[in-house]
């Protein structure tokens, strides 16, 4: 059974997020992606509390393509240590999930 994932990361600008989703979808590592924001954020960085604005990046892929997508996002991301996480998509319409499989097939 195919596992489906929603992968997320954040960026400091809409443009950086759009570059990431365009490159990932263009390489068929993800079937689709969106950029939303900006969101206010607070975080620890180099031992200091920071705040700022971030843009949330979402991509849909299969479990089989996750490792390649993660490597791509880390390589292409403007930050040295970007957040890259995923959530399992526990359900969805059969035709949508089949579409994700088709669009990420190698």
PDB file of N, CA and C in Angstrom:
ATOM      1  N   UNK A   1       0.838  -1.178   0.000  1.00  0.00           N
ATOM      2  CA  UNK A   1       0.000   0.000   0.000  1.00  0.00           C
ATOM      3  C   UNK A   1       0.887   1.247   0.000  1.00  0.00           C
ATOM      4  N   UNK A   2       0.569   2.188  -0.836  1.00  0.00           N
ATOM      5  CA  UNK A   2       1.353   3.417  -0.949  1.00  0.00           C
ATOM      6  C   UNK A   2       1.086   4.323   0.248  1.00  0.00           C
ATOM      7  N   UNK A   3       2.151   4.907   0.780  1.00  0.00           N
ATOM      8  CA  UNK A   3       2.040   5.889   1.855  1.00  0.00           C
ATOM      9  C   UNK A   3       2.099   7.275   1.220  1.00  0.00           C
ATOM     10  N   UNK A   4       1.208   8.165   1.651  1.00  0.00           N
ATOM     11  CA  UNK A   4       1.162   9.536   1.145  1.00  0.00           C
ATOM     12  C   UNK A   4       1.547  10.483   2.262  1.00  0.00           C
ATOM     13  N   UNK A   5       2.310  11.539   1.896  1.00  0.00           N
ATOM     14  CA  UNK A   5       2.851  12.462   2.887  1.00  0.00           C
ATOM     15  C   UNK A   5       2.594  13.903   2.496  1.00  0.00           C
ATOM     16  N   UNK A   6       2.377  14.742   3.510  1.00  0.00           N
ATOM     17  CA  UNK A   6       2.439  16.183   3.319  1.00  0.00           C
ATOM     18  C   UNK A   6       3.734  16.640   3.982  1.00  0.00           C
ATOM     19  N   UNK A   7       4.618  17.190   3.184  1.00  0.00           N
ATOM     20  CA  UNK A   7       5.947  17.612   3.638  1.00  0.00           C
ATOM     21  C   UNK A   7       5.912  19.125   3.834  1.00  0.00           C
ATOM     22  N   UNK A   8       6.570  19.602   4.884  1.00  0.00           N
ATOM     23  CA  UNK A   8       6.585  21.047   5.105  1.00  0.00           C
ATOM     24  C   UNK A   8       7.978  21.540   5.456  1.00  0.00           C
ATOM     25  N   UNK A   9       8.180  22.806   5.130  1.00  0.00           N
ATOM     26  CA  UNK A   9       9.369  23.541   5.528  1.00  0.00           C
ATOM     27  C   UNK A   9       8.937  25.002   5.630  1.00  0.00           C
ATOM     28  N   UNK A  10       9.839  25.862   6.052  1.00  0.00           N
ATOM     29  CA  UNK A  10       9.556  27.295   6.098  1.00  0.00           C
ATOM     30  C   UNK A  10      10.689  28.043   5.410  1.00  0.00           C
ATOM     31  N   UNK A  11      10.366  29.236   4.951  1.00  0.00           N
ATOM     32  CA  UNK A  11      11.364  30.107   4.329  1.00  0.00           C
ATOM     33  C   UNK A  11      11.159  31.520   4.833  1.00  0.00           C
ATOM     34  N   UNK A  12      12.100  32.394   4.502  1.00  0.00           N
ATOM     35  CA  UNK A  12      11.993  33.784   4.948  1.00  0.00           C
ATOM     36  C   UNK A  12      11.289  34.679   3.933  1.00  0.00           C
ATOM     37  N   UNK A  13      10.888  34.119   2.776  1.00  0.00           N
ATOM     38  CA  UNK A  13      10.179  34.933   1.777  1.00  0.00           C
ATOM     39  C   UNK A  13       9.294  34.041   0.909  1.00  0.00           C
ATOM     40  N   UNK A  14       8.285  34.644   0.340  1.00  0.00           N
ATOM     41  CA  UNK A  14       7.406  33.935  -0.588  1.00  0.00           C
ATOM     42  C   UNK A  14       8.211  33.448  -1.789  1.00  0.00           C
ATOM     43  N   UNK A  15       9.113  34.288  -2.277  1.00  0.00           N
ATOM     44  CA  UNK A  15       9.902  33.942  -3.451  1.00  0.00           C
ATOM     45  C   UNK A  15      10.745  32.689  -3.211  1.00  0.00           C
ATOM     46  N   UNK A  16      11.375  32.599  -2.045  1.00  0.00           N
ATOM     47  CA  UNK A  16      12.180  31.413  -1.720  1.00  0.00           C
ATOM     48  C   UNK A  16      11.298  30.174  -1.653  1.00  0.00           C
ATOM     49  N   UNK A  17      10.125  30.306  -1.070  1.00  0.00           N
ATOM     50  CA  UNK A  17       9.184  29.186  -1.014  1.00  0.00           C
ATOM     51  C   UNK A  17       8.735  28.756  -2.396  1.00  0.00           C
ATOM     52  N   UNK A  18       8.441  29.717  -3.269  1.00  0.00           N
ATOM     53  CA  UNK A  18       8.014  29.393  -4.626  1.00  0.00           C
ATOM     54  C   UNK A  18       9.135  28.690  -5.393  1.00  0.00           C
ATOM     55  N   UNK A  19      10.376  29.108  -5.208  1.00  0.00           N
ATOM     56  CA  UNK A  19      11.502  28.430  -5.863  1.00  0.00           C
ATOM     57  C   UNK A  19      11.579  26.967  -5.426  1.00  0.00           C
ATOM     58  N   UNK A  20      11.382  26.728  -4.120  1.00  0.00           N
ATOM     59  CA  UNK A  20      11.437  25.363  -3.612  1.00  0.00           C
ATOM     60  C   UNK A  20      10.324  24.496  -4.195  1.00  0.00           C
ATOM     61  N   UNK A  21       9.088  24.998  -4.215  1.00  0.00           N
ATOM     62  CA  UNK A  21       8.011  24.142  -4.726  1.00  0.00           C
ATOM     63  C   UNK A  21       8.125  23.950  -6.232  1.00  0.00           C
ATOM     64  N   UNK A  22       8.550  24.979  -6.946  1.00  0.00           N
ATOM     65  CA  UNK A  22       8.696  24.824  -8.397  1.00  0.00           C
ATOM     66  C   UNK A  22       9.782  23.815  -8.739  1.00  0.00           C
ATOM     67  N   UNK A  23      10.893  23.855  -8.029  1.00  0.00           N
ATOM     68  CA  UNK A  23      11.974  22.912  -8.326  1.00  0.00           C
ATOM     69  C   UNK A  23      11.583  21.492  -7.920  1.00  0.00           C
ATOM     70  N   UNK A  24      10.914  21.331  -6.783  1.00  0.00           N
ATOM     71  CA  UNK A  24      10.517  19.991  -6.327  1.00  0.00           C
ATOM     72  C   UNK A  24       9.442  19.387  -7.223  1.00  0.00           C
ATOM     73  N   UNK A  25       8.431  20.167  -7.568  1.00  0.00           N
ATOM     74  CA  UNK A  25       7.374  19.668  -8.445  1.00  0.00           C
ATOM     75  C   UNK A  25       7.933  19.443  -9.851  1.00  0.00           C
ATOM     76  N   UNK A  26       8.776  20.347 -10.318  1.00  0.00           N
ATOM     77  CA  UNK A  26       9.393  20.193 -11.629  1.00  0.00           C
ATOM     78  C   UNK A  26      10.217  18.924 -11.747  1.00  0.00           C
ATOM     79  N   UNK A  27      10.836  18.504 -10.656  1.00  0.00           N
ATOM     80  CA  UNK A  27      11.638  17.278 -10.637  1.00  0.00           C
ATOM     81  C   UNK A  27      10.777  16.043 -10.338  1.00  0.00           C
ATOM     82  N   UNK A  28       9.467  16.230 -10.201  1.00  0.00           N
ATOM     83  CA  UNK A  28       8.508  15.158  -9.892  1.00  0.00           C
ATOM     84  C   UNK A  28       8.777  14.493  -8.539  1.00  0.00           C
ATOM     85  N   UNK A  29       9.394  15.239  -7.633  1.00  0.00           N
ATOM     86  CA  UNK A  29       9.579  14.761  -6.266  1.00  0.00           C
ATOM     87  C   UNK A  29       8.320  14.979  -5.438  1.00  0.00           C
ATOM     88  N   UNK A  30       7.472  15.877  -5.892  1.00  0.00           N
ATOM     89  CA  UNK A  30       6.185  16.167  -5.270  1.00  0.00           C
ATOM     90  C   UNK A  30       5.169  16.396  -6.386  1.00  0.00           C
ATOM     91  N   UNK A  31       3.915  16.080  -6.094  1.00  0.00           N
ATOM     92  CA  UNK A  31       2.862  16.272  -7.088  1.00  0.00           C
ATOM     93  C   UNK A  31       2.368  17.710  -7.108  1.00  0.00           C
ATOM     94  N   UNK A  32       2.433  18.373  -5.954  1.00  0.00           N
ATOM     95  CA  UNK A  32       1.962  19.757  -5.865  1.00  0.00           C
ATOM     96  C   UNK A  32       2.573  20.416  -4.642  1.00  0.00           C
ATOM     97  N   UNK A  33       2.461  21.733  -4.606  1.00  0.00           N
ATOM     98  CA  UNK A  33       2.964  22.480  -3.462  1.00  0.00           C
ATOM     99  C   UNK A  33       2.294  23.827  -3.346  1.00  0.00           C
ATOM    100  N   UNK A  34       2.270  24.348  -2.150  1.00  0.00           N
ATOM    101  CA  UNK A  34       1.735  25.678  -1.884  1.00  0.00           C
ATOM    102  C   UNK A  34       2.652  26.414  -0.916  1.00  0.00           C
ATOM    103  N   UNK A  35       2.575  27.731  -0.991  1.00  0.00           N
ATOM    104  CA  UNK A  35       3.291  28.612  -0.074  1.00  0.00           C
ATOM    105  C   UNK A  35       2.247  29.503   0.584  1.00  0.00           C
ATOM    106  N   UNK A  36       2.257  29.572   1.909  1.00  0.00           N
ATOM    107  CA  UNK A  36       1.281  30.377   2.653  1.00  0.00           C
ATOM    108  C   UNK A  36       2.014  31.258   3.654  1.00  0.00           C
ATOM    109  N   UNK A  37       1.447  32.412   3.886  1.00  0.00           N
ATOM    110  CA  UNK A  37       2.045  33.290   4.897  1.00  0.00           C
ATOM    111  C   UNK A  37       1.910  34.736   4.509  1.00  0.00           C
ATOM    112  N   UNK A  38       2.604  35.585   5.184  1.00  0.00           N
ATOM    113  CA  UNK A  38       3.599  35.270   6.213  1.00  0.00           C
ATOM    114  C   UNK A  38       2.953  34.976   7.567  1.00  0.00           C
ATOM    115  N   UNK A  39       3.692  34.240   8.376  1.00  0.00           N
ATOM    116  CA  UNK A  39       3.317  33.920   9.737  1.00  0.00           C
ATOM    117  C   UNK A  39       4.370  34.482  10.670  1.00  0.00           C
ATOM    118  N   UNK A  40       3.949  34.966  11.814  1.00  0.00           N
ATOM    119  CA  UNK A  40       4.891  35.368  12.847  1.00  0.00           C
ATOM    120  C   UNK A  40       5.477  34.121  13.484  1.00  0.00           C
ATOM    121  N   UNK A  41       6.753  34.162  13.828  1.00  0.00           N
ATOM    122  CA  UNK A  41       7.375  32.983  14.434  1.00  0.00           C
ATOM    123  C   UNK A  41       8.346  33.393  15.528  1.00  0.00           C
ATOM    124  N   UNK A  42       8.560  32.471  16.445  1.00  0.00           N
ATOM    125  CA  UNK A  42       9.573  32.609  17.493  1.00  0.00           C
ATOM    126  C   UNK A  42      10.369  31.313  17.491  1.00  0.00           C
ATOM    127  N   UNK A  43      11.686  31.406  17.705  1.00  0.00           N
ATOM    128  CA  UNK A  43      12.543  30.232  17.554  1.00  0.00           C
ATOM    129  C   UNK A  43      13.852  30.458  18.296  1.00  0.00           C
ATOM    130  N   UNK A  44      14.547  29.350  18.580  1.00  0.00           N
ATOM    131  CA  UNK A  44      15.899  29.408  19.103  1.00  0.00           C
ATOM    132  C   UNK A  44      16.866  29.283  17.947  1.00  0.00           C
ATOM    133  N   UNK A  45      17.853  30.178  17.898  1.00  0.00           N
ATOM    134  CA  UNK A  45      18.871  30.136  16.852  1.00  0.00           C
ATOM    135  C   UNK A  45      20.205  30.552  17.449  1.00  0.00           C
ATOM    136  N   UNK A  46      21.173  29.634  17.389  1.00  0.00           N
ATOM    137  CA  UNK A  46      22.510  29.885  17.927  1.00  0.00           C
ATOM    138  C   UNK A  46      22.458  30.348  19.382  1.00  0.00           C
ATOM    139  N   UNK A  47      21.572  29.707  20.162  1.00  0.00           N
ATOM    140  CA  UNK A  47      21.472  29.989  21.585  1.00  0.00           C
ATOM    141  C   UNK A  47      20.702  31.238  21.954  1.00  0.00           C
ATOM    142  N   UNK A  48      20.091  31.885  20.980  1.00  0.00           N
ATOM    143  CA  UNK A  48      19.323  33.104  21.258  1.00  0.00           C
ATOM    144  C   UNK A  48      17.892  32.953  20.775  1.00  0.00           C
ATOM    145  N   UNK A  49      16.985  33.591  21.509  1.00  0.00           N
ATOM    146  CA  UNK A  49      15.583  33.605  21.112  1.00  0.00           C
ATOM    147  C   UNK A  49      15.407  34.623  19.994  1.00  0.00           C
ATOM    148  N   UNK A  50      14.842  34.186  18.897  1.00  0.00           N
ATOM    149  CA  UNK A  50      14.608  35.074  17.771  1.00  0.00           C
ATOM    150  C   UNK A  50      13.136  35.128  17.417  1.00  0.00           C
ATOM    151  N   UNK A  51      12.760  36.152  16.693  1.00  0.00           N
ATOM    152  CA  UNK A  51      11.407  36.280  16.166  1.00  0.00           C
ATOM    153  C   UNK A  51      11.511  36.770  14.735  1.00  0.00           C
ATOM    154  N   UNK A  52      10.471  36.540  13.980  1.00  0.00           N
ATOM    155  CA  UNK A  52      10.477  37.006  12.603  1.00  0.00           C
ATOM    156  C   UNK A  52       9.232  36.576  11.864  1.00  0.00           C
ATOM    157  N   UNK A  53       9.266  36.742  10.560  1.00  0.00           N
ATOM    158  CA  UNK A  53       8.205  36.295   9.683  1.00  0.00           C
ATOM    159  C   UNK A  53       8.720  35.139   8.845  1.00  0.00           C
ATOM    160  N   UNK A  54       7.877  34.141   8.678  1.00  0.00           N
ATOM    161  CA  UNK A  54       8.228  32.995   7.849  1.00  0.00           C
ATOM    162  C   UNK A  54       7.054  32.657   6.942  1.00  0.00           C
ATOM    163  N   UNK A  55       7.375  31.984   5.854  1.00  0.00           N
ATOM    164  CA  UNK A  55       6.385  31.484   4.906  1.00  0.00           C
ATOM    165  C   UNK A  55       6.381  29.974   5.004  1.00  0.00           C
ATOM    166  N   UNK A  56       5.203  29.386   5.130  1.00  0.00           N
ATOM    167  CA  UNK A  56       5.067  27.934   5.238  1.00  0.00           C
ATOM    168  C   UNK A  56       4.976  27.328   3.844  1.00  0.00           C
ATOM    169  N   UNK A  57       5.732  26.271   3.621  1.00  0.00           N
ATOM    170  CA  UNK A  57       5.780  25.571   2.340  1.00  0.00           C
ATOM    171  C   UNK A  57       5.230  24.167   2.557  1.00  0.00           C
ATOM    172  N   UNK A  58       4.253  23.772   1.736  1.00  0.00           N
ATOM    173  CA  UNK A  58       3.638  22.447   1.820  1.00  0.00           C
ATOM    174  C   UNK A  58       3.780  21.732   0.480  1.00  0.00           C
ATOM    175  N   UNK A  59       4.133  20.461   0.531  1.00  0.00           N
ATOM    176  CA  UNK A  59       4.253  19.633  -0.675  1.00  0.00           C
ATOM    177  C   UNK A  59       3.611  18.272  -0.409  1.00  0.00           C
ATOM    178  N   UNK A  60       3.011  17.665  -1.435  1.00  0.00           N
ATOM    179  CA  UNK A  60       2.458  16.326  -1.321  1.00  0.00           C
ATOM    180  C   UNK A  60       3.278  15.356  -2.157  1.00  0.00           C
ATOM    181  N   UNK A  61       3.612  14.211  -1.541  1.00  0.00           N
ATOM    182  CA  UNK A  61       4.427  13.204  -2.208  1.00  0.00           C
ATOM    183  C   UNK A  61       4.075  11.827  -1.670  1.00  0.00           C
ATOM    184  N   UNK A  62       4.782  10.825  -2.165  1.00  0.00           N
ATOM    185  CA  UNK A  62       4.627   9.463  -1.657  1.00  0.00           C
ATOM    186  C   UNK A  62       5.796   9.138  -0.729  1.00  0.00           C
ATOM    187  N   UNK A  63       5.591   8.126   0.096  1.00  0.00           N
ATOM    188  CA  UNK A  63       6.666   7.681   0.979  1.00  0.00           C
ATOM    189  C   UNK A  63       7.903   7.250   0.203  1.00  0.00           C
ATOM    190  N   UNK A  64       7.689   6.679  -0.976  1.00  0.00           N
ATOM    191  CA  UNK A  64       8.815   6.242  -1.805  1.00  0.00           C
ATOM    192  C   UNK A  64       9.675   7.404  -2.278  1.00  0.00           C
ATOM    193  N   UNK A  65       9.115   8.579  -2.434  1.00  0.00           N
ATOM    194  CA  UNK A  65       9.847   9.730  -2.964  1.00  0.00           C
ATOM    195  C   UNK A  65      10.349  10.668  -1.860  1.00  0.00           C
ATOM    196  N   UNK A  66       9.982  10.379  -0.597  1.00  0.00           N
ATOM    197  CA  UNK A  66      10.315  11.314   0.479  1.00  0.00           C
ATOM    198  C   UNK A  66      11.818  11.562   0.618  1.00  0.00           C
ATOM    199  N   UNK A  67      12.632  10.536   0.650  1.00  0.00           N
ATOM    200  CA  UNK A  67      14.069  10.735   0.888  1.00  0.00           C
ATOM    201  C   UNK A  67      14.682  11.649  -0.162  1.00  0.00           C
ATOM    202  N   UNK A  68      14.287  11.468  -1.423  1.00  0.00           N
ATOM    203  CA  UNK A  68      14.799  12.344  -2.479  1.00  0.00           C
ATOM    204  C   UNK A  68      14.289  13.771  -2.324  1.00  0.00           C
ATOM    205  N   UNK A  69      13.011  13.904  -1.947  1.00  0.00           N
ATOM    206  CA  UNK A  69      12.447  15.246  -1.747  1.00  0.00           C
ATOM    207  C   UNK A  69      13.145  15.936  -0.576  1.00  0.00           C
ATOM    208  N   UNK A  70      13.347  15.231   0.523  1.00  0.00           N
ATOM    209  CA  UNK A  70      14.042  15.822   1.668  1.00  0.00           C
ATOM    210  C   UNK A  70      15.437  16.305   1.268  1.00  0.00           C
ATOM    211  N   UNK A  71      16.192  15.459   0.572  1.00  0.00           N
ATOM    212  CA  UNK A  71      17.541  15.833   0.147  1.00  0.00           C
ATOM    213  C   UNK A  71      17.495  17.058  -0.770  1.00  0.00           C
ATOM    214  N   UNK A  72      16.534  17.096  -1.662  1.00  0.00           N
ATOM    215  CA  UNK A  72      16.381  18.234  -2.583  1.00  0.00           C
ATOM    216  C   UNK A  72      16.091  19.519  -1.810  1.00  0.00           C
ATOM    217  N   UNK A  73      15.154  19.453  -0.863  1.00  0.00           N
ATOM    218  CA  UNK A  73      14.804  20.651  -0.093  1.00  0.00           C
ATOM    219  C   UNK A  73      15.991  21.160   0.711  1.00  0.00           C
ATOM    220  N   UNK A  74      16.729  20.264   1.327  1.00  0.00           N
ATOM    221  CA  UNK A  74      17.899  20.681   2.115  1.00  0.00           C
ATOM    222  C   UNK A  74      18.965  21.291   1.203  1.00  0.00           C
ATOM    223  N   UNK A  75      19.179  20.698   0.052  1.00  0.00           N
ATOM    224  CA  UNK A  75      20.182  21.211  -0.893  1.00  0.00           C
ATOM    225  C   UNK A  75      19.797  22.575  -1.459  1.00  0.00           C
ATOM    226  N   UNK A  76      18.523  22.756  -1.784  1.00  0.00           N
ATOM    227  CA  UNK A  76      18.060  23.979  -2.444  1.00  0.00           C
ATOM    228  C   UNK A  76      17.642  25.082  -1.482  1.00  0.00           C
ATOM    229  N   UNK A  77      17.486  24.756  -0.216  1.00  0.00           N
ATOM    230  CA  UNK A  77      16.991  25.726   0.775  1.00  0.00           C
ATOM    231  C   UNK A  77      18.052  26.788   1.052  1.00  0.00           C
ATOM    232  N   UNK A  78      17.638  28.044   1.224  1.00  0.00           N
ATOM    233  CA  UNK A  78      18.620  29.099   1.513  1.00  0.00           C
ATOM    234  C   UNK A  78      19.200  29.029   2.931  1.00  0.00           C
ATOM    235  N   UNK A  79      18.612  28.262   3.840  1.00  0.00           N
ATOM    236  CA  UNK A  79      19.096  28.179   5.214  1.00  0.00           C
ATOM    237  C   UNK A  79      20.032  26.981   5.375  1.00  0.00           C
ATOM    238  N   UNK A  80      20.944  27.074   6.343  1.00  0.00           N
ATOM    239  CA  UNK A  80      21.904  26.001   6.604  1.00  0.00           C
ATOM    240  C   UNK A  80      21.257  24.758   7.218  1.00  0.00           C
ATOM    241  N   UNK A  81      20.247  24.938   8.059  1.00  0.00           N
ATOM    242  CA  UNK A  81      19.621  23.819   8.761  1.00  0.00           C
ATOM    243  C   UNK A  81      18.102  23.986   8.738  1.00  0.00           C
ATOM    244  N   UNK A  82      17.481  23.829   7.556  1.00  0.00           N
ATOM    245  CA  UNK A  82      16.046  24.083   7.478  1.00  0.00           C
ATOM    246  C   UNK A  82      15.224  22.975   8.120  1.00  0.00           C
ATOM    247  N   UNK A  83      14.079  23.364   8.631  1.00  0.00           N
ATOM    248  CA  UNK A  83      13.075  22.394   9.066  1.00  0.00           C
ATOM    249  C   UNK A  83      12.562  21.675   7.822  1.00  0.00           C
ATOM    250  N   UNK A  84      12.568  20.359   7.845  1.00  0.00           N
ATOM    251  CA  UNK A  84      11.885  19.558   6.827  1.00  0.00           C
ATOM    252  C   UNK A  84      11.193  18.440   7.596  1.00  0.00           C
ATOM    253  N   UNK A  85       9.864  18.465   7.614  1.00  0.00           N
ATOM    254  CA  UNK A  85       9.088  17.463   8.332  1.00  0.00           C
ATOM    255  C   UNK A  85       7.980  16.948   7.435  1.00  0.00           C
ATOM    256  N   UNK A  86       7.369  15.855   7.861  1.00  0.00           N
ATOM    257  CA  UNK A  86       6.210  15.368   7.116  1.00  0.00           C
ATOM    258  C   UNK A  86       5.149  14.842   8.059  1.00  0.00           C
ATOM    259  N   UNK A  87       3.938  14.839   7.543  1.00  0.00           N
ATOM    260  CA  UNK A  87       2.784  14.257   8.205  1.00  0.00           C
ATOM    261  C   UNK A  87       2.197  13.235   7.251  1.00  0.00           C
ATOM    262  N   UNK A  88       1.863  12.077   7.769  1.00  0.00           N
ATOM    263  CA  UNK A  88       1.240  11.051   6.938  1.00  0.00           C
ATOM    264  C   UNK A  88      -0.187  11.486   6.619  1.00  0.00           C
ATOM    265  N   UNK A  89      -0.545  11.386   5.357  1.00  0.00           N
ATOM    266  CA  UNK A  89      -1.920  11.633   4.929  1.00  0.00           C
ATOM    267  C   UNK A  89      -2.667  10.319   5.148  1.00  0.00           C
ATOM    268  N   UNK A  90      -3.500  10.274   6.178  1.00  0.00           N
ATOM    269  CA  UNK A  90      -4.150   9.031   6.582  1.00  0.00           C
ATOM    270  C   UNK A  90      -5.302   8.637   5.669  1.00  0.00           C
ATOM    271  N   UNK A  91      -5.788   9.567   4.890  1.00  0.00           N
ATOM    272  CA  UNK A  91      -6.896   9.255   3.995  1.00  0.00           C
ATOM    273  C   UNK A  91      -7.106  10.367   3.006  1.00  0.00           C
ATOM    274  N   UNK A  92      -7.928  10.090   2.031  1.00  0.00           N
ATOM    275  CA  UNK A  92      -8.243  11.070   1.007  1.00  0.00           C
ATOM    276  C   UNK A  92      -8.985  10.391  -0.121  1.00  0.00           C
ATOM    277  N   UNK A  93      -9.472  11.175  -1.048  1.00  0.00           N
ATOM    278  CA  UNK A  93     -10.196  10.571  -2.164  1.00  0.00           C
ATOM    279  C   UNK A  93      -9.236   9.698  -2.973  1.00  0.00           C
ATOM    280  N   UNK A  94      -9.731   8.562  -3.401  1.00  0.00           N
ATOM    281  CA  UNK A  94      -8.897   7.611  -4.144  1.00  0.00           C
ATOM    282  C   UNK A  94      -8.310   8.257  -5.387  1.00  0.00           C
ATOM    283  N   UNK A  95      -9.099   9.047  -6.106  1.00  0.00           N
ATOM    284  CA  UNK A  95      -8.586   9.645  -7.342  1.00  0.00           C
ATOM    285  C   UNK A  95      -7.485  10.657  -7.053  1.00  0.00           C
ATOM    286  N   UNK A  96      -7.577  11.413  -5.953  1.00  0.00           N
ATOM    287  CA  UNK A  96      -6.527  12.372  -5.600  1.00  0.00           C
ATOM    288  C   UNK A  96      -5.241  11.646  -5.228  1.00  0.00           C
ATOM    289  N   UNK A  97      -5.351  10.613  -4.407  1.00  0.00           N
ATOM    290  CA  UNK A  97      -4.165   9.872  -3.995  1.00  0.00           C
ATOM    291  C   UNK A  97      -3.510   9.174  -5.186  1.00  0.00           C
ATOM    292  N   UNK A  98      -4.315   8.635  -6.086  1.00  0.00           N
ATOM    293  CA  UNK A  98      -3.762   8.040  -7.314  1.00  0.00           C
ATOM    294  C   UNK A  98      -3.035   9.093  -8.144  1.00  0.00           C
ATOM    295  N   UNK A  99      -3.566  10.313  -8.172  1.00  0.00           N
ATOM    296  CA  UNK A  99      -2.926  11.411  -8.903  1.00  0.00           C
ATOM    297  C   UNK A  99      -1.540  11.695  -8.323  1.00  0.00           C
ATOM    298  N   UNK A 100      -1.414  11.720  -6.989  1.00  0.00           N
ATOM    299  CA  UNK A 100      -0.107  11.928  -6.373  1.00  0.00           C
ATOM    300  C   UNK A 100       0.862  10.840  -6.824  1.00  0.00           C
ATOM    301  N   UNK A 101       0.404   9.598  -6.825  1.00  0.00           N
ATOM    302  CA  UNK A 101       1.262   8.501  -7.276  1.00  0.00           C
ATOM    303  C   UNK A 101       1.705   8.700  -8.719  1.00  0.00           C
ATOM    304  N   UNK A 102       0.776   9.026  -9.602  1.00  0.00           N
ATOM    305  CA  UNK A 102       1.108   9.218 -11.023  1.00  0.00           C
ATOM    306  C   UNK A 102       2.106  10.342 -11.216  1.00  0.00           C
ATOM    307  N   UNK A 103       1.888  11.461 -10.543  1.00  0.00           N
ATOM    308  CA  UNK A 103       2.710  12.653 -10.788  1.00  0.00           C
ATOM    309  C   UNK A 103       4.094  12.575 -10.165  1.00  0.00           C
ATOM    310  N   UNK A 104       4.296  11.622  -9.263  1.00  0.00           N
ATOM    311  CA  UNK A 104       5.631  11.479  -8.659  1.00  0.00           C
ATOM    312  C   UNK A 104       6.339  10.208  -9.123  1.00  0.00           C
ATOM    313  N   UNK A 105       5.749   9.523 -10.087  1.00  0.00           N
ATOM    314  CA  UNK A 105       6.350   8.283 -10.583  1.00  0.00           C
ATOM    315  C   UNK A 105       7.641   8.592 -11.339  1.00  0.00           C
ATOM    316  N   UNK A 106       8.610   7.723 -11.163  1.00  0.00           N
ATOM    317  CA  UNK A 106       9.891   7.920 -11.861  1.00  0.00           C
ATOM    318  C   UNK A 106       9.922   7.179 -13.168  1.00  0.00           C
TER     319      UNK A 106
END
